[in-house]
Amino acid sequence: MRVLDEAEWRAFVLDGTRTGKLATVRSDGAAHVTPIWFVFDDEGRIVFTTATNTVKGRNLRRDPRASLCVDDERPPFAFVRIDGEVVLDEDMDEMRRWATAIGGRYMGPDRAAEFGRRNAVEGETLVRLTPTHVVARGGVSD
């Protein structure tokens, strides 16, 4: 197993259409994990959207701590875990911009605008996760 440097782990998490598994803190302190689509912004933050009234949305509004795990399930296996805190934003122009970028990553450029319109609506929240601690490993089974 080897430690991935920053350039390696950033390239790893943005490779293809890997989803992230986002962990948030429930009101009783238990973990809540859900898959997300995401991109990075120019400041190195992870950007995604969520419905405001989902468990994830309510958890993040109450407690900004979150952890994102992105992994490769094929040998020799690799993973990146990013811990940090989120900032929530309901600005529709920003939300459409980022929802379009996320849609483009996961659904392709020809469907980006469609997903931007679908996910930049009332009741959605734009989320930016600022990394404070990263654990990144490659070649786990080597």
Foldseek 3Di string as FASTA:
>chain_A
DDFDDPVRVLCVQLPAFFWKWKWFAAPVRDIDTDTFQWDADPVGWTKGKDQCPDRVNVRCVVFFWMKIKTKDPDPVIKMKIFIFGKDKDLPLVVQLVGQLVSCCRHVNNVCSNVRSVVQSDPRMIMMIGDGDDMTIDDSNND
